[in-house]
């Protein structure tokens, strides 16, 4: 019987705590790199940063890829 307080000791991590396989991590990283490439093209066309959302998303994805 698993009690609410025993979940950490039993190895259960919940739905969002499950680890990803190496293949899944590779796919995720490749998708991020592809999205960064798309956004960099758009950011180059917008040097005055009028479309702030593009620049913000690009910055967030670069941080996610680095960390």
Protein backbone atom coordinates (compact mmCIF):
# COMPACT_ATOMS: atom_id res chain seq x y z
CA UNK A 1 0.00 0.00 0.00
CA UNK A 2 1.41 3.38 -1.04
CA UNK A 3 0.52 6.33 1.11
CA UNK A 4 0.71 9.94 -0.01
CA UNK A 5 3.89 10.57 1.97
CA UNK A 6 5.58 7.42 0.65
CA UNK A 7 5.48 8.41 -3.01
CA UNK A 8 9.03 9.78 -3.01
CA UNK A 9 10.52 6.72 -1.36
CA UNK A 10 8.69 4.26 -3.61
CA UNK A 11 10.21 5.65 -6.81
CA UNK A 12 6.96 7.04 -8.18
CA UNK A 13 7.54 10.40 -9.83
CA UNK A 14 4.18 11.22 -11.31
CA UNK A 15 3.29 11.89 -14.90
CA UNK A 16 5.49 14.97 -15.44
CA UNK A 17 8.47 13.62 -13.52
CA UNK A 18 9.14 10.71 -15.83
CA UNK A 19 12.51 10.78 -17.55
CA UNK A 20 12.88 11.06 -21.31
CA UNK A 21 14.85 8.58 -23.35
CA UNK A 22 18.04 9.65 -25.12
CA UNK A 23 16.19 9.49 -28.42
CA UNK A 24 13.43 11.76 -27.11
CA UNK A 25 15.98 14.21 -25.70
CA UNK A 26 17.75 14.28 -29.06
CA UNK A 27 14.48 15.00 -30.87
CA UNK A 28 13.58 17.73 -28.41
CA UNK A 29 16.99 19.36 -28.83
CA UNK A 30 16.76 19.14 -32.64
CA UNK A 31 13.30 20.73 -32.60
CA UNK A 32 14.58 23.59 -30.45
CA UNK A 33 17.54 24.15 -32.81
CA UNK A 34 15.22 24.20 -35.83
CA UNK A 35 12.91 26.71 -34.17
CA UNK A 36 15.92 28.89 -33.24
CA UNK A 37 17.04 28.88 -36.89
CA UNK A 38 13.56 30.02 -38.00
CA UNK A 39 13.40 32.76 -35.41
CA UNK A 40 16.91 34.02 -36.18
CA UNK A 41 15.87 34.62 -39.79
CA UNK A 42 12.86 36.62 -38.60
CA UNK A 43 14.95 38.51 -36.04
CA UNK A 44 17.47 39.55 -38.71
CA UNK A 45 14.63 41.05 -40.72
CA UNK A 46 13.54 43.03 -37.64
CA UNK A 47 16.67 44.85 -36.37
CA UNK A 48 14.64 47.52 -34.55
CA UNK A 49 12.87 44.83 -32.50
CA UNK A 50 9.39 45.97 -33.41
CA UNK A 51 8.14 42.39 -33.12
CA UNK A 52 9.20 41.84 -29.53
CA UNK A 53 7.60 38.39 -29.30
CA UNK A 54 10.04 36.95 -31.85
CA UNK A 55 13.06 38.29 -30.01
CA UNK A 56 11.75 37.15 -26.63
CA UNK A 57 11.01 33.61 -27.83
CA UNK A 58 14.43 33.40 -29.48
CA UNK A 59 16.11 34.44 -26.24
CA UNK A 60 14.11 31.91 -24.19
CA UNK A 61 14.88 29.04 -26.56
CA UNK A 62 18.59 29.84 -26.53
CA UNK A 63 18.55 29.76 -22.72
CA UNK A 64 16.64 26.47 -22.74
CA UNK A 65 19.13 24.94 -25.18
CA UNK A 66 22.11 26.10 -23.13
CA UNK A 67 20.71 24.95 -19.82
